[in-house]
Protein backbone atom coordinates (compact mmCIF):
# COMPACT_ATOMS: atom_id res chain seq x y z
CA UNK A 1 -18.19 3.01 14.62
CA UNK A 2 -20.09 2.42 11.36
CA UNK A 3 -18.92 1.70 7.80
CA UNK A 4 -19.38 5.33 6.69
CA UNK A 5 -16.94 6.47 9.37
CA UNK A 6 -14.51 3.71 8.40
CA UNK A 7 -14.65 4.67 4.69
CA UNK A 8 -14.00 8.29 5.71
CA UNK A 9 -10.92 7.20 7.70
CA UNK A 10 -9.60 5.14 4.77
CA UNK A 11 -9.93 7.93 2.21
CA UNK A 12 -8.68 10.76 4.44
CA UNK A 13 -5.94 8.71 6.15
CA UNK A 14 -4.54 6.87 3.13
CA UNK A 15 -4.73 9.75 0.63
CA UNK A 16 -3.15 12.21 3.09
CA UNK A 17 -0.48 9.62 3.87
CA UNK A 18 0.49 9.36 0.19
CA UNK A 19 0.76 13.16 -0.09
CA UNK A 20 3.14 13.47 2.86
CA UNK A 21 5.15 10.43 1.75
CA UNK A 22 5.71 12.14 -1.59
CA UNK A 23 6.70 15.38 0.17
CA UNK A 24 9.33 13.37 2.07
CA UNK A 25 10.55 11.44 -0.96
CA UNK A 26 10.85 14.49 -3.23
CA UNK A 27 13.47 16.06 -0.94
CA UNK A 28 15.11 12.83 0.28
CA UNK A 29 14.46 9.92 -2.14
CA UNK A 30 16.32 7.47 0.14
CA UNK A 31 14.29 8.21 3.29
CA UNK A 32 12.22 5.01 3.01
CA UNK A 33 13.92 3.33 5.98
CA UNK A 34 13.31 6.13 8.47
CA UNK A 35 9.69 6.42 7.30
CA UNK A 36 9.14 2.67 7.70
CA UNK A 37 10.78 2.67 11.14
CA UNK A 38 8.67 5.60 12.37
CA UNK A 39 5.45 3.94 11.16
CA UNK A 40 6.35 0.61 12.76
CA UNK A 41 7.39 2.21 16.06
CA UNK A 42 4.18 4.29 16.35
CA UNK A 43 1.79 1.41 15.55
CA UNK A 44 3.78 -0.98 17.80
CA UNK A 45 3.60 1.49 20.72
CA UNK A 46 -0.15 1.92 20.29
CA UNK A 47 -0.63 -1.85 20.10
CA UNK A 48 1.61 -2.49 23.12
CA UNK A 49 -0.58 -0.18 25.23
CA UNK A 50 -4.08 -0.99 23.97
CA UNK A 51 -3.83 -4.47 22.39
CA UNK A 52 -1.29 -6.39 24.49
CA UNK A 53 -2.04 -4.42 27.70
CA UNK A 54 1.67 -3.68 28.27
CA UNK A 55 2.62 -7.28 27.41
CA UNK A 56 0.20 -8.91 29.88
CA UNK A 57 -2.22 -10.25 27.26
CA UNK A 58 -1.22 -13.59 25.70
CA UNK A 59 -1.45 -13.94 21.91
CA UNK A 60 -4.03 -16.31 20.43
CA UNK A 61 -1.85 -17.23 17.44
CA UNK A 62 1.53 -18.75 18.50
CA UNK A 63 4.48 -16.35 18.37
CA UNK A 64 6.49 -18.72 16.15
CA UNK A 65 3.89 -18.22 13.39
CA UNK A 66 4.09 -14.46 13.82
CA UNK A 67 7.88 -14.61 13.45
CA UNK A 68 7.46 -16.13 9.97
CA UNK A 69 4.77 -13.59 9.03
CA UNK A 70 6.74 -10.68 10.47
CA UNK A 71 9.91 -11.62 8.55
CA UNK A 72 7.95 -11.40 5.31
CA UNK A 73 6.05 -8.25 6.34
CA UNK A 74 9.23 -6.44 7.41
CA UNK A 75 11.01 -7.33 4.18
CA UNK A 76 8.03 -6.24 2.06
CA UNK A 77 7.72 -2.87 3.83
CA UNK A 78 11.45 -2.06 3.67
CA UNK A 79 11.84 -3.16 0.03
CA UNK A 80 8.72 -1.26 -1.12
CA UNK A 81 9.85 1.99 0.50
CA UNK A 82 13.51 1.58 -0.47
CA UNK A 83 12.54 1.04 -4.13
CA UNK A 84 11.69 4.76 -4.29
CA UNK A 85 15.45 5.38 -4.15
CA UNK A 86 15.89 3.76 -7.59
CA UNK A 87 14.21 6.20 -10.00
CA UNK A 88 10.73 4.81 -9.26
CA UNK A 89 8.08 7.54 -9.40
CA UNK A 90 5.19 7.57 -6.93
CA UNK A 91 2.53 6.98 -9.64
CA UNK A 92 4.42 3.93 -11.01
CA UNK A 93 4.96 2.74 -7.41
CA UNK A 94 1.18 2.84 -6.77
CA UNK A 95 0.25 1.22 -10.09
CA UNK A 96 2.82 -1.56 -9.73
CA UNK A 97 1.60 -2.43 -6.23
CA UNK A 98 -1.92 -2.70 -7.65
CA UNK A 99 -0.67 -5.88 -9.31
CA UNK A 100 -1.04 -7.82 -6.04
CA UNK A 101 -4.06 -9.62 -7.53
CA UNK A 102 -1.78 -11.16 -10.18
CA UNK A 103 0.69 -12.45 -7.62
CA UNK A 104 -2.10 -13.76 -5.37
CA UNK A 105 -3.69 -15.67 -8.23
CA UNK A 106 -0.42 -17.17 -9.49
CA UNK A 107 0.66 -18.35 -6.03
CA UNK A 108 -2.89 -19.47 -5.23
CA UNK A 109 -2.82 -21.79 -8.25
CA UNK A 110 0.70 -23.07 -7.50
CA UNK A 111 0.51 -23.45 -3.69
CA UNK A 112 -3.18 -23.85 -2.83
CA UNK A 113 -4.13 -25.58 -6.12
CA UNK A 114 -7.00 -23.11 -6.59
CA UNK A 115 -9.04 -22.83 -9.77
CA UNK A 116 -10.54 -19.57 -10.98
CA UNK A 117 -13.31 -18.53 -13.38
CA UNK A 118 -12.62 -17.18 -16.87
CA UNK A 119 -13.50 -13.64 -15.71
CA UNK A 120 -10.79 -13.85 -13.04
CA UNK A 121 -8.15 -14.82 -15.61
CA UNK A 122 -9.40 -12.02 -17.89
CA UNK A 123 -9.08 -9.49 -15.08
CA UNK A 124 -5.51 -10.59 -14.34
CA UNK A 125 -4.65 -10.27 -18.03
CA UNK A 126 -6.01 -6.69 -18.03
CA UNK A 127 -4.06 -5.78 -14.88
CA UNK A 128 -0.87 -7.27 -16.34
CA UNK A 129 -1.37 -5.34 -19.59
CA UNK A 130 -1.99 -2.07 -17.73
CA UNK A 131 1.10 -2.44 -15.55
CA UNK A 132 3.17 -3.40 -18.61
CA UNK A 133 2.06 -0.24 -20.47
CA UNK A 134 2.87 2.02 -17.50
CA UNK A 135 6.20 0.31 -16.87
CA UNK A 136 7.34 0.58 -20.50
CA UNK A 137 6.37 4.27 -20.69
CA UNK A 138 8.19 4.96 -17.41
CA UNK A 139 11.27 3.22 -18.82
CA UNK A 140 11.21 5.58 -21.81
CA UNK A 141 11.00 8.57 -19.46
CA UNK A 142 14.06 7.31 -17.57
CA UNK A 143 15.94 7.05 -20.87
CA UNK A 144 15.11 10.62 -21.92
CA UNK A 145 15.53 12.19 -18.48
CA UNK A 146 17.89 15.07 -17.91
CA UNK A 147 21.09 13.06 -18.11
CA UNK A 148 23.91 15.02 -19.73
CA UNK A 149 25.83 11.92 -20.87
CA UNK A 150 25.05 8.48 -22.23
CA UNK A 151 26.92 6.86 -19.33
CA UNK A 152 24.73 8.60 -16.74
CA UNK A 153 21.64 7.68 -18.77
CA UNK A 154 22.61 3.98 -18.66
CA UNK A 155 23.27 4.22 -14.91
CA UNK A 156 19.84 5.82 -14.31
CA UNK A 157 18.16 3.07 -16.36
CA UNK A 158 19.99 0.29 -14.48
CA UNK A 159 18.88 1.88 -11.18
CA UNK A 160 15.30 1.91 -12.49
CA UNK A 161 15.54 -1.80 -13.42
CA UNK A 162 16.75 -2.57 -9.87
CA UNK A 163 13.75 -0.64 -8.50
CA UNK A 164 11.36 -2.65 -10.71
CA UNK A 165 13.00 -5.90 -9.56
CA UNK A 166 12.57 -4.83 -5.91
CA UNK A 167 8.88 -4.04 -6.44
CA UNK A 168 8.38 -7.42 -8.16
CA UNK A 169 10.02 -9.32 -5.27
CA UNK A 170 7.93 -7.39 -2.73
CA UNK A 171 4.76 -8.11 -4.75
CA UNK A 172 5.39 -11.88 -4.82
CA UNK A 173 6.38 -11.97 -1.15
CA UNK A 174 3.23 -10.01 -0.24
CA UNK A 175 1.10 -12.59 -2.04
CA UNK A 176 2.91 -15.42 -0.23
CA UNK A 177 2.32 -13.68 3.10
CA UNK A 178 -1.39 -13.37 2.25
CA UNK A 179 -1.61 -17.13 1.65
CA UNK A 180 0.25 -17.78 4.92
CA UNK A 181 -2.20 -15.49 6.78
CA UNK A 182 -5.13 -17.28 5.17
CA UNK A 183 -3.95 -20.65 6.47
CA UNK A 184 -3.32 -19.18 9.95
CA UNK A 185 -6.76 -17.57 10.17
CA UNK A 186 -8.42 -20.84 9.12
CA UNK A 187 -6.66 -22.64 11.96
CA UNK A 188 -6.83 -20.05 14.76
CA UNK A 189 -9.59 -17.63 13.65
CA UNK A 190 -9.28 -13.98 12.60
CA UNK A 191 -7.40 -11.74 15.04
CA UNK A 192 -6.62 -8.69 12.93
CA UNK A 193 -5.75 -6.29 15.80
CA UNK A 194 -3.39 -8.82 17.32
CA UNK A 195 -1.75 -9.45 13.94
CA UNK A 196 -1.43 -5.71 13.34
CA UNK A 197 0.41 -5.28 16.66
CA UNK A 198 2.83 -8.22 16.27
CA UNK A 199 3.52 -7.42 12.61
CA UNK A 200 4.81 -4.01 13.71
CA UNK A 201 6.29 -4.86 17.12
CA UNK A 202 8.42 -7.94 16.40
CA UNK A 203 10.36 -6.45 13.43
CA UNK A 204 11.66 -3.45 15.44
CA UNK A 205 15.07 -5.10 16.23
CA UNK A 206 15.54 -5.60 12.48
CA UNK A 207 15.89 -1.85 12.06
CA UNK A 208 19.26 -2.08 13.83
CA UNK A 209 20.58 -3.34 10.48
CA UNK A 210 19.42 -0.04 8.97
CA UNK A 211 20.48 2.15 11.90
CA UNK A 212 23.25 3.96 10.00
CA UNK A 213 20.91 4.98 7.19
CA UNK A 214 18.19 6.02 9.68
CA UNK A 215 20.71 8.08 11.69
CA UNK A 216 22.01 9.84 8.57
CA UNK A 217 18.49 10.80 7.56
CA UNK A 218 17.81 12.07 11.09
CA UNK A 219 20.72 14.49 10.54
CA UNK A 220 19.35 15.46 7.11
CA UNK A 221 15.88 16.03 8.59
CA UNK A 222 17.35 18.23 11.33
CA UNK A 223 18.96 20.40 8.67
CA UNK A 224 15.74 20.89 6.69
CA UNK A 225 13.89 24.22 6.48
CA UNK A 226 12.26 25.28 9.80
CA UNK A 227 8.46 25.37 9.85
CA UNK A 228 6.03 26.59 12.47
CA UNK A 229 3.42 24.16 13.82
CA UNK A 230 0.01 25.84 13.38
CA UNK A 231 -1.63 26.82 16.66
CA UNK A 232 1.38 25.99 18.83
CA UNK A 233 3.87 28.57 17.67
CA UNK A 234 6.65 25.96 17.87
CA UNK A 235 9.24 25.83 15.08
CA UNK A 236 10.59 22.43 13.94
CA UNK A 237 12.43 21.21 10.83
CA UNK A 238 9.78 20.74 8.15
CA UNK A 239 10.81 17.14 7.32
CA UNK A 240 10.06 16.04 10.90
CA UNK A 241 6.65 17.66 10.58
CA UNK A 242 6.01 15.80 7.32
CA UNK A 243 7.12 12.54 8.97
CA UNK A 244 4.85 13.07 11.97
CA UNK A 245 1.80 13.63 9.77
CA UNK A 246 2.77 10.66 7.58
CA UNK A 247 2.98 8.35 10.62
CA UNK A 248 -0.33 9.51 12.10
CA UNK A 249 -2.16 9.22 8.76
CA UNK A 250 -0.64 5.76 8.20
CA UNK A 251 -2.19 4.66 11.50
CA UNK A 252 -5.54 6.24 10.58
CA UNK A 253 -5.40 4.47 7.19
CA UNK A 254 -4.65 1.02 8.64
CA UNK A 255 -7.19 1.52 11.42
CA UNK A 256 -9.87 2.48 8.90
CA UNK A 257 -9.20 -0.61 6.79
CA UNK A 258 -9.39 -2.79 9.93
CA UNK A 259 -12.77 -1.31 10.94
CA UNK A 260 -14.02 -1.72 7.38
CA UNK A 261 -13.14 -5.44 7.35
CA UNK A 262 -15.26 -5.94 10.50
CA UNK A 263 -18.22 -3.87 9.25
CA UNK A 264 -18.44 -4.69 5.53
CA UNK A 265 -18.15 -7.58 3.10
CA UNK A 266 -14.76 -8.25 1.54
CA UNK A 267 -16.06 -7.05 -1.85
CA UNK A 268 -16.91 -3.64 -0.35
CA UNK A 269 -13.49 -3.41 1.30
CA UNK A 270 -11.73 -4.22 -1.99
CA UNK A 271 -13.82 -1.66 -3.88
CA UNK A 272 -13.11 1.09 -1.32
CA UNK A 273 -9.37 0.36 -1.31
CA UNK A 274 -9.34 0.33 -5.14
CA UNK A 275 -11.10 3.70 -5.36
CA UNK A 276 -8.72 5.07 -2.72
CA UNK A 277 -5.71 4.02 -4.79
CA UNK A 278 -7.17 5.68 -7.86
CA UNK A 279 -7.80 8.93 -5.94
CA UNK A 280 -4.25 8.84 -4.52
CA UNK A 281 -2.89 8.41 -8.02
CA UNK A 282 -4.84 11.43 -9.32
CA UNK A 283 -3.64 13.55 -6.37
CA UNK A 284 -0.04 12.50 -7.00
CA UNK A 285 -0.24 13.36 -10.70
CA UNK A 286 -2.16 16.65 -10.43
CA UNK A 287 -0.82 18.13 -7.17
CA UNK A 288 2.83 17.13 -7.59
CA UNK A 289 2.76 17.41 -11.40
CA UNK A 290 4.39 14.01 -11.87
CA UNK A 291 5.05 13.10 -15.53
CA UNK A 292 2.01 11.16 -16.68
CA UNK A 293 1.33 10.67 -20.39
CA UNK A 294 -1.82 9.53 -22.20
CA UNK A 295 -0.32 6.03 -22.24
CA UNK A 296 0.03 6.14 -18.45
CA UNK A 297 -3.66 7.09 -18.11
CA UNK A 298 -4.58 4.26 -20.49
CA UNK A 299 -2.52 1.76 -18.49
CA UNK A 300 -4.04 3.01 -15.23
CA UNK A 301 -7.58 2.70 -16.61
CA UNK A 302 -6.87 -0.88 -17.75
CA UNK A 303 -5.45 -1.79 -14.31
CA UNK A 304 -8.48 -0.48 -12.44
CA UNK A 305 -10.90 -2.02 -14.95
CA UNK A 306 -9.20 -5.37 -14.31
CA UNK A 307 -9.43 -4.88 -10.54
CA UNK A 308 -13.16 -4.08 -10.75
CA UNK A 309 -13.69 -7.14 -12.96
CA UNK A 310 -11.79 -9.30 -10.47
CA UNK A 311 -13.97 -8.14 -7.55
CA UNK A 312 -17.12 -8.80 -9.61
CA UNK A 313 -18.47 -5.33 -8.93
CA UNK A 314 -20.51 -5.31 -12.13
CA UNK A 315 -22.16 -8.63 -11.23
CA UNK A 316 -23.04 -7.36 -7.76
CA UNK A 317 -24.47 -4.09 -9.13
CA UNK A 318 -26.60 -5.96 -11.66
CA UNK A 319 -27.86 -8.33 -8.97
CA UNK A 320 -28.75 -5.37 -6.72
CA UNK A 321 -30.59 -3.64 -9.59
CA UNK A 322 -32.56 -6.82 -10.36
CA UNK A 323 -33.60 -7.10 -6.72
CA UNK A 324 -34.78 -3.49 -6.64
CA UNK A 325 -36.68 -3.98 -9.94
CA UNK A 326 -38.28 -7.12 -8.53
CA UNK A 327 -39.43 -5.27 -5.41
CA UNK A 328 -40.93 -2.48 -7.51
CA UNK A 329 -42.81 -4.99 -9.68
CA UNK A 330 -44.22 -6.68 -6.57
CA UNK A 331 -45.38 -3.31 -5.22
CA UNK A 332 -47.10 -2.54 -8.54
CA UNK A 333 -48.72 -5.97 -8.59
CA UNK A 334 -50.13 -5.34 -5.08
């Protein structure tokens, strides 16, 4: 399976996943736990069959290390999805999570004692500025939302602040998990499929803590509008249909990214994922008509400009153009 196929999987899988997540969240803003559980269960089942060979294949990386990684991964996934229950819009959710480069750099300097070039620091400053602009404008929208009383307006704003705090914690924990993975891969080698399986399989008992919320949303989903599955003639509650498509596209998305990491350089992977996020953002704004002002577009542009600067796309493009010019000059000389 080549890189073109992998890029196709990433764009189709991830963008479709965002659409169906928003369809779920618009009707039931607090459904993050059941969505996370369904995604984890599906990917764990697939990995149990094809990766671990029904538990017969021994892991290369010790399980104790996976327990640490899984604790962080589970917390990040639950907190990110649950933040949508606190007046966090999907566009702001996507933009805020694009700030992972900031967290990675900060923790890289503190924990790994890394040093970065001036362009890297500039890119982080741009990303920080873009997220700050979008966050401030979203805060104003929360303040002027349809709240009939000042008391309800204050409550909505406090909920929004809690959501921002949750996204910030998840962002920092995600960066810490990335550093932990980096040290593991240096010691044991890269085993992405194995890590994908254990990251989704080991946390499953943790969902028992969220069982009441998951059960309540199962009841809500059962009471949603019936919809017919195309081609089968079977009628099911529409929210279960949305969840099924969301889970399948989440697997396609993760699978595409995994194939891409084995076929392409890390710079290419980062660029593809960045463009995918930008496309998802546009779909969310245009298709779902989410409130998005000129300031939001400005903040988004600054974030993605910073991400492109961080990945040194411009340097790579210039180098590629110089090589092609050099080849043409040699042909002319001959």
